[in-house]
Amino acid sequence: MPFMKQTHLDIWISALGAGLTITLIGFLCESLTSSIFQPVLLVSMGASAILIFYRPHGDLSQPWHVLGGHLFAVLFGLLGSKIPNLINSLTLIQISGVVIAITLLTTHYLHCVHPPSGGTALFTLFSAQQMGSVRLFEIVLLNVALVLTLAFLINLFSPHRRYPLSFYLYLK
């Protein structure tokens, strides 16, 4: 869908939606993670919130892109975190580029590229040892579910915004 001129109401909805979403994710992270990980996880979710709320009609903002992008990022971050155990001469820093490349390739071919998921991949790579695999999947999945749910609900308040696009295309 082509870019639509946004009204002041749309901009305010974007700002309030993104701010509310990150505030709620912050509370979720605070209750589920140690203080070391809270700000880092908020980084990729903050980028997702801005993208989704500012460009709700954009291809990269649609639910499959957000969900698939972040989940594949977690998967490849976790797999990358295991490599130093297999190949002692490699460090997580050296593996980080490979994790990003594989995440991008996979999400491209599965049509779910979501740029903020690069932050999720790196967060997962560097924190997997301390947090554990299942915990990371749970936290990212909860964050993505919260972002998508709030995006759907908040975007209902604007006559110009339709999120997700596929939901409204089926209604026609």
Protein backbone atom coordinates (compact mmCIF):
# COMPACT_ATOMS: atom_id res chain seq x y z
CA MET A 1 0.00 0.00 0.00
CA PRO A 2 1.44 3.39 -0.88
CA PHE A 3 2.41 5.82 1.83
CA MET A 4 -0.58 7.79 3.08
CA LYS A 5 -0.22 11.32 4.40
CA GLN A 6 -0.58 11.14 8.14
CA THR A 7 -2.75 13.54 10.07
CA HIS A 8 -1.79 15.01 13.42
CA LEU A 9 -4.17 12.49 14.99
CA ASP A 10 -2.28 9.66 13.27
CA ILE A 11 1.05 10.96 14.56
CA TRP A 12 -0.33 11.22 18.10
CA ILE A 13 -1.77 7.71 17.88
CA SER A 14 1.63 6.48 16.67
CA ALA A 15 3.48 8.16 19.52
CA LEU A 16 1.04 7.13 22.23
CA GLY A 17 0.77 3.60 20.87
CA ALA A 18 4.53 3.09 20.69
CA GLY A 19 5.05 4.68 24.11
CA LEU A 20 2.32 2.64 25.79
CA THR A 21 3.56 -0.55 24.17
CA ILE A 22 7.13 -0.06 25.35
CA THR A 23 5.95 0.91 28.84
CA LEU A 24 3.97 -2.32 29.10
CA ILE A 25 6.84 -4.37 27.66
CA GLY A 26 9.13 -2.69 30.18
CA PHE A 27 6.90 -3.88 33.02
CA LEU A 28 6.86 -7.36 31.48
CA CYS A 29 10.65 -7.42 31.14
CA GLU A 30 11.06 -6.14 34.67
CA SER A 31 9.00 -8.99 36.05
CA LEU A 32 10.56 -11.71 33.86
CA THR A 33 14.25 -10.84 33.56
CA SER A 34 17.17 -9.64 35.62
CA SER A 35 18.03 -5.96 35.48
CA ILE A 36 21.00 -6.67 33.20
CA PHE A 37 18.75 -7.76 30.33
CA GLN A 38 15.82 -5.35 30.59
CA PRO A 39 17.20 -2.40 28.59
CA VAL A 40 18.76 -4.59 25.91
CA LEU A 41 15.54 -6.41 25.11
CA LEU A 42 13.64 -3.15 24.96
CA VAL A 43 15.93 -1.92 22.18
CA SER A 44 14.62 -4.24 19.44
CA MET A 45 11.03 -4.03 20.69
CA GLY A 46 11.25 -0.22 20.71
CA ALA A 47 12.33 -0.28 17.08
CA SER A 48 9.46 -2.66 16.26
CA ALA A 49 6.94 -0.44 18.04
CA ILE A 50 8.03 2.65 16.13
CA LEU A 51 7.92 0.81 12.82
CA ILE A 52 4.51 -0.75 13.49
CA PHE A 53 2.83 2.36 14.86
CA TYR A 54 4.41 4.89 12.49
CA ARG A 55 3.96 2.78 9.37
CA PRO A 56 1.06 0.41 10.16
CA HIS A 57 0.43 -0.09 6.43
CA GLY A 58 4.06 -0.94 5.68
CA ASP A 59 5.02 -4.42 4.57
CA LEU A 60 7.73 -4.78 7.25
CA SER A 61 5.19 -3.82 9.95
CA GLN A 62 2.73 -6.61 9.23
CA PRO A 63 2.27 -9.39 11.81
CA TRP A 64 4.03 -12.18 9.91
CA HIS A 65 7.10 -9.97 9.49
CA VAL A 66 7.14 -9.03 13.17
CA LEU A 67 6.47 -12.53 14.50
CA GLY A 68 8.61 -14.43 12.00
CA GLY A 69 11.43 -11.92 12.10
CA HIS A 70 11.78 -11.99 15.87
CA LEU A 71 11.27 -15.74 16.27
CA PHE A 72 13.83 -16.68 13.61
CA ALA A 73 16.19 -14.14 15.18
CA VAL A 74 15.85 -15.87 18.55
CA LEU A 75 16.38 -19.27 16.95
CA PHE A 76 19.56 -18.26 15.13
CA GLY A 77 20.84 -16.30 18.12
CA LEU A 78 20.44 -19.41 20.26
CA LEU A 79 22.10 -21.64 17.69
CA GLY A 80 24.95 -19.17 17.34
CA SER A 81 25.46 -19.11 21.09
CA LYS A 82 26.25 -22.85 20.97
CA ILE A 83 29.05 -22.54 18.39
CA PRO A 84 31.85 -21.53 20.84
CA ASN A 85 31.14 -24.80 22.68
CA LEU A 86 31.75 -26.69 19.41
CA ILE A 87 34.59 -24.61 17.99
CA ASN A 88 36.70 -23.21 20.82
CA SER A 89 38.58 -20.70 18.67
CA LEU A 90 35.42 -18.68 17.83
CA THR A 91 33.92 -15.99 20.05
CA LEU A 92 30.37 -14.64 20.13
CA ILE A 93 31.60 -11.39 18.57
CA GLN A 94 33.03 -13.33 15.62
CA ILE A 95 29.80 -15.31 15.24
CA SER A 96 27.52 -12.26 15.39
CA GLY A 97 27.86 -11.43 11.69
CA VAL A 98 26.99 -14.98 10.70
CA VAL A 99 23.91 -14.92 12.93
CA ILE A 100 22.71 -11.67 11.34
CA ALA A 101 23.39 -12.97 7.81
CA ILE A 102 21.53 -16.24 8.39
CA THR A 103 18.63 -14.40 10.02
CA LEU A 104 18.35 -12.04 7.06
CA LEU A 105 18.58 -14.82 4.47
CA THR A 106 16.00 -16.98 6.22
CA THR A 107 13.51 -14.19 6.82
CA HIS A 108 13.92 -12.96 3.25
CA TYR A 109 13.08 -16.34 1.76
CA LEU A 110 10.20 -16.86 4.21
CA HIS A 111 8.90 -13.32 3.50
CA CYS A 112 9.16 -12.09 7.07
CA VAL A 113 12.05 -9.60 7.14
CA HIS A 114 11.64 -7.26 10.10
CA PRO A 115 14.74 -5.04 10.60
CA PRO A 116 14.41 -4.70 14.41
CA SER A 117 14.80 -8.46 14.70
CA GLY A 118 18.53 -7.98 14.11
CA GLY A 119 18.68 -6.55 17.62
CA THR A 120 16.78 -9.57 18.91
CA ALA A 121 19.25 -11.94 17.24
CA LEU A 122 22.23 -10.20 18.85
CA PHE A 123 20.50 -9.91 22.22
CA THR A 124 19.81 -13.64 22.14
CA LEU A 125 23.33 -14.51 21.01
CA PHE A 126 24.95 -12.60 23.88
CA SER A 127 22.49 -13.46 26.65
CA ALA A 128 21.60 -17.10 25.95
CA GLN A 129 24.16 -18.50 28.37
CA GLN A 130 22.81 -16.48 31.28
CA MET A 131 19.08 -16.64 30.54
CA GLY A 132 18.52 -20.02 28.93
CA SER A 133 16.88 -20.96 25.64
CA VAL A 134 13.32 -21.56 26.76
CA ARG A 135 13.25 -18.36 28.80
CA LEU A 136 14.43 -16.28 25.84
CA PHE A 137 11.81 -17.78 23.52
CA GLU A 138 9.09 -17.12 26.11
CA ILE A 139 10.11 -13.51 26.71
CA VAL A 140 10.45 -12.62 23.02
CA LEU A 141 7.17 -14.36 22.15
CA LEU A 142 5.36 -12.51 24.93
CA ASN A 143 6.84 -9.19 23.79
CA VAL A 144 5.86 -9.81 20.16
CA ALA A 145 2.35 -10.86 21.19
CA LEU A 146 2.00 -7.68 23.25
CA VAL A 147 3.29 -5.44 20.44
CA LEU A 148 0.94 -7.01 17.87
CA THR A 149 -2.11 -7.00 20.15
CA LEU A 150 -1.65 -3.37 21.12
CA ALA A 151 -0.98 -2.40 17.50
CA PHE A 152 -4.27 -3.97 16.47
CA LEU A 153 -6.24 -2.39 19.31
CA ILE A 154 -4.71 1.09 19.20
CA ASN A 155 -4.85 1.42 15.43
CA LEU A 156 -8.62 0.87 15.61
CA PHE A 157 -8.95 4.44 16.93
CA SER A 158 -7.94 6.10 13.67
CA PRO A 159 -10.15 6.15 10.59
CA HIS A 160 -7.05 6.05 8.33
CA ARG A 161 -5.23 3.17 9.95
CA ARG A 162 -5.81 -0.49 9.21
CA TYR A 163 -3.71 -2.99 11.08
CA PRO A 164 -3.06 -5.64 10.06
CA LEU A 165 -3.74 -4.95 6.40
CA SER A 166 -4.70 -8.54 5.63
CA PHE A 167 -7.50 -8.40 8.23
CA TYR A 168 -9.12 -5.49 6.44
CA LEU A 169 -8.55 -6.92 2.97
CA TYR A 170 -10.56 -10.00 3.93
CA LEU A 171 -13.44 -7.82 5.13
CA LYS A 172 -13.91 -6.25 1.68
